[in-house]
N, C-alpha and C. Protein backbone atom coordinates (compact mmCIF):
# COMPACT_ATOMS: atom_id res chain seq x y z
N GLN A 1 109.54 84.48 79.94
CA GLN A 1 108.47 85.67 80.87
C GLN A 1 108.98 86.11 81.50
N VAL A 2 109.26 87.53 82.56
CA VAL A 2 110.52 88.11 82.70
C VAL A 2 111.15 87.88 83.87
N GLN A 3 112.16 87.66 84.06
CA GLN A 3 112.40 87.59 85.56
C GLN A 3 113.75 88.96 85.95
N LEU A 4 113.81 88.50 87.24
CA LEU A 4 114.92 90.00 87.33
C LEU A 4 115.26 89.26 88.36
N VAL A 5 116.67 89.92 88.42
CA VAL A 5 117.79 89.20 89.11
C VAL A 5 118.33 90.55 89.65
N GLU A 6 118.77 90.02 91.22
CA GLU A 6 119.38 91.35 91.94
C GLU A 6 120.50 90.87 92.25
N SER A 7 121.69 92.04 92.61
CA SER A 7 123.10 92.23 93.54
C SER A 7 123.31 93.30 94.23
N GLY A 8 123.95 93.35 94.73
CA GLY A 8 124.08 94.24 95.76
C GLY A 8 124.39 94.34 97.10
N GLY A 9 123.89 93.00 97.43
CA GLY A 9 123.69 93.05 99.34
C GLY A 9 125.42 92.52 99.51
N GLY A 10 124.50 93.05 100.83
CA GLY A 10 125.84 92.16 101.77
C GLY A 10 126.01 93.12 103.12
N LEU A 11 127.22 93.04 103.64
CA LEU A 11 127.50 93.75 104.98
C LEU A 11 128.11 94.68 105.45
N VAL A 12 127.36 96.02 106.08
CA VAL A 12 127.51 97.52 105.88
C VAL A 12 127.41 97.50 107.67
N GLN A 13 127.98 98.57 107.99
CA GLN A 13 127.95 99.46 109.47
C GLN A 13 127.05 100.10 109.82
N ALA A 14 126.30 100.10 110.47
CA ALA A 14 125.44 101.47 110.60
C ALA A 14 125.48 102.40 110.28
N GLY A 15 125.33 103.48 109.61
CA GLY A 15 125.53 104.82 109.15
C GLY A 15 126.06 104.89 107.79
N GLY A 16 126.45 103.44 107.24
CA GLY A 16 126.87 102.76 106.08
C GLY A 16 125.92 103.18 104.81
N SER A 17 126.26 102.91 103.97
CA SER A 17 125.75 102.52 102.42
C SER A 17 125.49 101.41 101.97
N LEU A 18 124.75 101.39 101.12
CA LEU A 18 124.29 99.98 99.88
C LEU A 18 124.05 100.68 98.84
N ARG A 19 124.33 99.87 97.43
CA ARG A 19 123.16 100.03 96.61
C ARG A 19 122.97 98.77 95.96
N LEU A 20 121.29 98.75 95.83
CA LEU A 20 121.13 97.10 95.26
C LEU A 20 120.27 97.28 93.78
N SER A 21 120.40 96.51 93.15
CA SER A 21 120.06 96.60 91.75
C SER A 21 119.72 95.36 91.36
N CYS A 22 118.64 95.83 90.62
CA CYS A 22 117.35 94.90 90.02
C CYS A 22 117.37 94.31 88.34
N THR A 23 118.19 93.29 87.38
CA THR A 23 117.85 94.01 86.36
C THR A 23 116.45 92.71 86.05
N ALA A 24 116.16 93.24 85.09
CA ALA A 24 114.47 92.39 84.47
C ALA A 24 115.31 92.33 82.78
N SER A 25 115.05 90.84 82.77
CA SER A 25 115.34 89.85 81.10
C SER A 25 114.04 89.28 81.27
N GLY A 26 113.94 89.02 79.23
CA GLY A 26 112.50 88.08 79.05
C GLY A 26 112.59 89.27 78.11
N ARG A 27 110.63 89.12 78.31
CA ARG A 27 110.28 89.75 76.70
C ARG A 27 110.55 91.19 77.34
N ALA A 28 110.15 91.76 76.10
CA ALA A 28 110.24 93.32 75.90
C ALA A 28 109.56 94.15 77.72
N PHE A 29 110.42 94.71 78.13
CA PHE A 29 109.80 95.01 79.54
C PHE A 29 109.21 96.34 79.51
N SER A 30 108.32 96.16 80.07
CA SER A 30 107.52 97.78 80.04
C SER A 30 106.21 97.74 81.43
N PRO A 31 107.10 97.68 82.76
CA PRO A 31 105.68 97.69 83.69
C PRO A 31 105.26 99.31 83.97
N HIS A 32 104.05 99.28 84.60
CA HIS A 32 103.87 100.26 85.06
C HIS A 32 105.18 100.58 86.44
N ALA A 33 104.83 99.90 87.16
CA ALA A 33 105.82 100.23 88.41
C ALA A 33 106.62 99.40 88.83
N MET A 34 107.46 99.35 89.65
CA MET A 34 108.55 98.36 90.27
C MET A 34 108.82 98.92 92.03
N ALA A 35 109.17 97.70 92.77
CA ALA A 35 109.20 98.02 94.04
C ALA A 35 110.12 96.94 94.48
N TRP A 36 110.67 98.08 95.39
CA TRP A 36 111.13 97.18 96.79
C TRP A 36 110.24 97.01 98.25
N PHE A 37 110.73 95.30 98.33
CA PHE A 37 109.94 94.99 100.41
C PHE A 37 111.44 94.36 100.41
N ARG A 38 110.93 94.06 102.12
CA ARG A 38 112.10 93.42 102.46
C ARG A 38 111.72 92.64 103.90
N GLN A 39 112.11 91.92 104.29
CA GLN A 39 111.43 90.57 105.29
C GLN A 39 112.74 90.27 106.06
N ALA A 40 112.52 90.97 107.48
CA ALA A 40 113.37 90.83 108.60
C ALA A 40 113.01 89.32 108.92
N PRO A 41 114.08 88.87 110.17
CA PRO A 41 114.09 87.52 110.42
C PRO A 41 112.64 87.60 111.15
N GLY A 42 111.73 86.33 110.83
CA GLY A 42 110.84 86.46 112.27
C GLY A 42 109.86 87.39 111.62
N LYS A 43 109.72 88.01 110.76
CA LYS A 43 108.48 89.31 110.64
C LYS A 43 108.05 89.42 109.02
N GLU A 44 106.83 89.73 109.02
CA GLU A 44 106.62 89.56 107.05
C GLU A 44 107.18 90.58 106.21
N ARG A 45 107.43 89.96 105.30
CA ARG A 45 107.59 90.69 104.44
C ARG A 45 106.79 92.58 104.22
N GLU A 46 107.32 93.44 104.42
CA GLU A 46 107.06 94.40 104.32
C GLU A 46 107.11 95.43 103.07
N PHE A 47 106.61 96.36 103.07
CA PHE A 47 106.83 97.12 101.36
C PHE A 47 107.69 98.48 102.12
N VAL A 48 108.63 99.13 100.73
CA VAL A 48 110.08 99.97 100.87
C VAL A 48 109.56 101.14 100.29
N GLY A 49 109.89 100.74 99.12
CA GLY A 49 109.20 101.89 98.05
C GLY A 49 108.66 101.41 96.96
N THR A 50 108.42 102.77 96.18
CA THR A 50 107.75 101.76 94.77
C THR A 50 108.39 103.17 93.57
N ILE A 51 108.38 103.24 92.52
CA ILE A 51 108.59 103.88 91.49
C ILE A 51 107.75 103.84 90.85
N SER A 52 107.45 104.94 89.79
CA SER A 52 106.70 104.72 88.48
C SER A 52 107.69 104.56 87.74
N TRP A 53 107.05 103.58 86.39
CA TRP A 53 108.44 103.31 85.33
C TRP A 53 108.30 104.41 84.14
N ILE A 54 107.09 105.13 84.08
CA ILE A 54 107.11 106.22 83.34
C ILE A 54 107.47 107.49 83.79
N THR A 55 107.25 107.94 84.52
CA THR A 55 107.24 109.25 85.27
C THR A 55 108.49 109.40 86.34
N GLY A 56 108.33 108.35 86.90
CA GLY A 56 109.76 108.07 87.99
C GLY A 56 109.45 108.53 89.27
N ASN A 57 108.23 109.04 89.60
CA ASN A 57 107.53 108.92 90.78
C ASN A 57 107.64 108.26 91.97
N THR A 58 108.09 108.75 92.76
CA THR A 58 108.27 107.17 93.93
C THR A 58 107.29 108.12 95.13
N TYR A 59 107.17 106.66 96.06
CA TYR A 59 106.77 106.50 97.34
C TYR A 59 107.23 105.60 98.04
N TYR A 60 107.94 106.24 99.36
CA TYR A 60 108.39 105.32 100.62
C TYR A 60 107.67 105.07 101.90
N GLN A 61 107.90 103.59 102.39
CA GLN A 61 107.51 103.61 104.01
C GLN A 61 108.32 104.54 104.65
N ASP A 62 107.09 105.45 105.47
CA ASP A 62 107.89 106.14 106.53
C ASP A 62 109.31 106.01 107.09
N SER A 63 109.74 105.23 107.65
CA SER A 63 110.91 104.60 108.00
C SER A 63 112.23 104.99 107.17
N VAL A 64 111.80 104.84 105.99
CA VAL A 64 113.23 105.01 105.34
C VAL A 64 113.32 106.74 104.29
N LYS A 65 112.15 107.21 104.34
CA LYS A 65 112.32 108.41 103.94
C LYS A 65 113.21 109.32 104.11
N GLY A 66 113.73 110.26 102.88
CA GLY A 66 114.92 110.41 103.75
C GLY A 66 116.44 109.99 103.66
N ARG A 67 116.67 108.81 103.64
CA ARG A 67 117.71 107.73 103.83
C ARG A 67 117.55 106.72 102.49
N PHE A 68 116.38 106.22 102.30
CA PHE A 68 116.66 105.68 100.77
C PHE A 68 116.32 106.39 99.42
N THR A 69 116.48 105.83 98.27
CA THR A 69 116.33 106.46 96.99
C THR A 69 115.97 105.59 96.45
N ILE A 70 115.11 105.18 94.95
CA ILE A 70 114.61 104.67 94.14
C ILE A 70 114.83 104.93 93.22
N SER A 71 115.01 104.47 92.32
CA SER A 71 115.63 105.06 90.94
C SER A 71 115.61 103.81 90.14
N ARG A 72 115.60 104.42 89.02
CA ARG A 72 115.40 103.06 87.54
C ARG A 72 116.45 103.58 86.53
N ASP A 73 116.58 102.59 85.32
CA ASP A 73 117.10 103.28 84.09
C ASP A 73 116.15 102.49 83.10
N ASN A 74 115.78 103.33 82.38
CA ASN A 74 114.70 102.62 81.52
C ASN A 74 115.62 101.72 80.47
N ALA A 75 116.12 102.39 79.70
CA ALA A 75 117.53 101.85 78.74
C ALA A 75 118.00 100.70 79.38
N LYS A 76 118.17 100.56 80.91
CA LYS A 76 118.81 98.90 80.97
C LYS A 76 117.91 98.30 81.30
N ASN A 77 116.93 98.38 81.43
CA ASN A 77 116.21 97.47 82.53
C ASN A 77 116.07 97.26 83.87
N THR A 78 116.43 98.30 84.57
CA THR A 78 117.07 98.20 85.96
C THR A 78 116.70 99.23 87.19
N LEU A 79 116.64 98.23 87.89
CA LEU A 79 115.91 99.12 89.43
C LEU A 79 116.86 99.46 90.29
N TYR A 80 117.44 100.50 90.72
CA TYR A 80 118.07 100.16 91.61
C TYR A 80 117.41 100.91 93.19
N LEU A 81 117.83 100.14 94.51
CA LEU A 81 117.99 101.00 95.66
C LEU A 81 119.30 101.38 96.33
N GLN A 82 118.83 102.51 96.43
CA GLN A 82 120.44 103.52 96.99
C GLN A 82 120.02 103.90 98.78
N MET A 83 120.54 102.88 99.54
CA MET A 83 120.15 102.98 100.85
C MET A 83 121.18 103.83 101.63
N ASN A 84 120.81 104.82 102.37
CA ASN A 84 122.16 105.41 103.58
C ASN A 84 121.48 105.80 104.70
N THR A 85 122.74 105.97 105.49
CA THR A 85 122.33 106.22 106.97
C THR A 85 121.81 104.86 107.18
N LEU A 86 122.17 103.47 107.24
CA LEU A 86 121.82 102.70 107.63
C LEU A 86 121.52 101.95 108.69
N LYS A 87 120.49 101.48 109.12
CA LYS A 87 120.59 101.20 110.68
C LYS A 87 120.39 99.31 110.62
N PRO A 88 120.24 99.23 112.16
CA PRO A 88 120.09 97.65 112.29
C PRO A 88 118.95 97.51 111.97
N GLU A 89 117.93 98.29 112.16
CA GLU A 89 116.58 97.91 112.08
C GLU A 89 116.12 97.29 110.10
N ASP A 90 117.07 98.03 109.75
CA ASP A 90 117.01 97.54 107.98
C ASP A 90 117.31 96.27 107.64
N THR A 91 118.26 95.43 108.31
CA THR A 91 118.50 94.31 108.39
C THR A 91 117.22 93.14 107.68
N ALA A 92 117.78 92.56 106.36
CA ALA A 92 116.66 92.24 105.87
C ALA A 92 116.82 91.37 104.68
N VAL A 93 116.00 90.48 104.44
CA VAL A 93 116.27 89.97 102.63
C VAL A 93 115.32 91.55 101.64
N TYR A 94 115.85 91.74 100.91
CA TYR A 94 115.38 92.88 100.09
C TYR A 94 115.14 92.12 98.87
N TYR A 95 113.88 92.01 98.25
CA TYR A 95 112.85 91.84 96.93
C TYR A 95 112.80 92.95 96.28
N CYS A 96 113.24 93.04 95.03
CA CYS A 96 113.01 93.82 93.69
C CYS A 96 111.33 93.11 92.79
N ALA A 97 110.48 94.03 92.75
CA ALA A 97 109.36 93.57 92.08
C ALA A 97 108.77 94.79 91.10
N ALA A 98 107.92 93.97 90.27
CA ALA A 98 107.64 94.97 88.44
C ALA A 98 106.02 94.29 88.84
N ARG A 99 105.28 95.07 88.07
CA ARG A 99 103.91 94.61 87.99
C ARG A 99 103.31 95.69 86.25
N ASP A 100 102.47 94.61 85.74
CA ASP A 100 102.49 95.16 84.63
C ASP A 100 100.68 95.51 84.76
N ARG A 101 100.03 95.48 85.59
CA ARG A 101 98.62 95.63 86.30
C ARG A 101 99.07 96.20 87.46
N PRO A 102 97.82 97.41 87.76
CA PRO A 102 97.52 97.87 88.89
C PRO A 102 97.60 97.13 90.41
N GLU A 103 96.77 96.01 90.15
CA GLU A 103 96.36 94.66 91.11
C GLU A 103 97.51 94.54 92.27
N ALA A 104 98.40 93.93 91.34
CA ALA A 104 99.50 93.05 92.53
C ALA A 104 100.27 93.22 91.37
N TYR A 105 101.69 92.77 92.21
CA TYR A 105 103.04 92.60 91.63
C TYR A 105 103.13 91.42 91.18
N ASP A 106 103.36 91.12 89.89
CA ASP A 106 103.65 89.94 89.14
C ASP A 106 104.71 89.08 89.10
N TYR A 107 106.10 89.80 89.11
CA TYR A 107 107.31 89.52 89.03
C TYR A 107 108.00 90.10 90.06
N TRP A 108 108.85 88.85 90.82
CA TRP A 108 109.73 89.08 91.47
C TRP A 108 110.77 88.20 91.73
N GLY A 109 112.00 89.29 92.13
CA GLY A 109 113.46 88.62 92.10
C GLY A 109 113.56 87.83 93.39
N GLN A 110 114.92 87.70 93.53
CA GLN A 110 115.11 85.99 94.33
C GLN A 110 115.55 86.33 95.75
N GLY A 111 115.35 87.95 95.85
CA GLY A 111 115.68 88.50 96.93
C GLY A 111 117.24 88.26 97.52
N THR A 112 118.03 89.52 97.94
CA THR A 112 119.75 89.44 98.41
C THR A 112 119.97 90.20 99.64
N GLN A 113 120.29 89.17 100.65
CA GLN A 113 120.01 89.67 102.06
C GLN A 113 121.22 91.24 102.22
N VAL A 114 120.72 91.74 103.00
CA VAL A 114 121.55 93.29 103.51
C VAL A 114 121.56 92.97 104.92
N THR A 115 122.60 92.84 105.50
CA THR A 115 123.20 92.88 107.51
C THR A 115 123.87 94.27 107.65
N VAL A 116 122.98 94.78 108.37
CA VAL A 116 123.60 96.14 109.03
C VAL A 116 123.87 95.88 110.65
N SER A 117 125.31 96.34 110.65
CA SER A 117 125.62 95.74 112.16
C SER A 117 125.85 97.29 113.16
N SER A 118 125.13 96.84 114.13
CA SER A 118 125.15 98.05 115.12
C SER A 118 126.45 98.47 115.36
């Protein structure tokens, strides 16, 4: 089945930038949408943003609007999260996800740690 492999996490100073990648492999990949979620220590997983695979339309959580950009390369089956002007509050494990139905995200990556120092 579909597998999602993430990369790009690491340490960065506040105000810096980082780009996360998530590549899908397995069966023919044609999701309705892909998304990024994150989970900070001691907190529940939260939605970051999503992108329509066909149209490229995006939607973001208010706290990251203007700073984060989601994009995708359909030919490479790859999802990206460009994170600019990072804040310590952005520190979390970031997960990519894909869905082939509107109800739920069926496929998840393993998560990649992003740590932003103050």
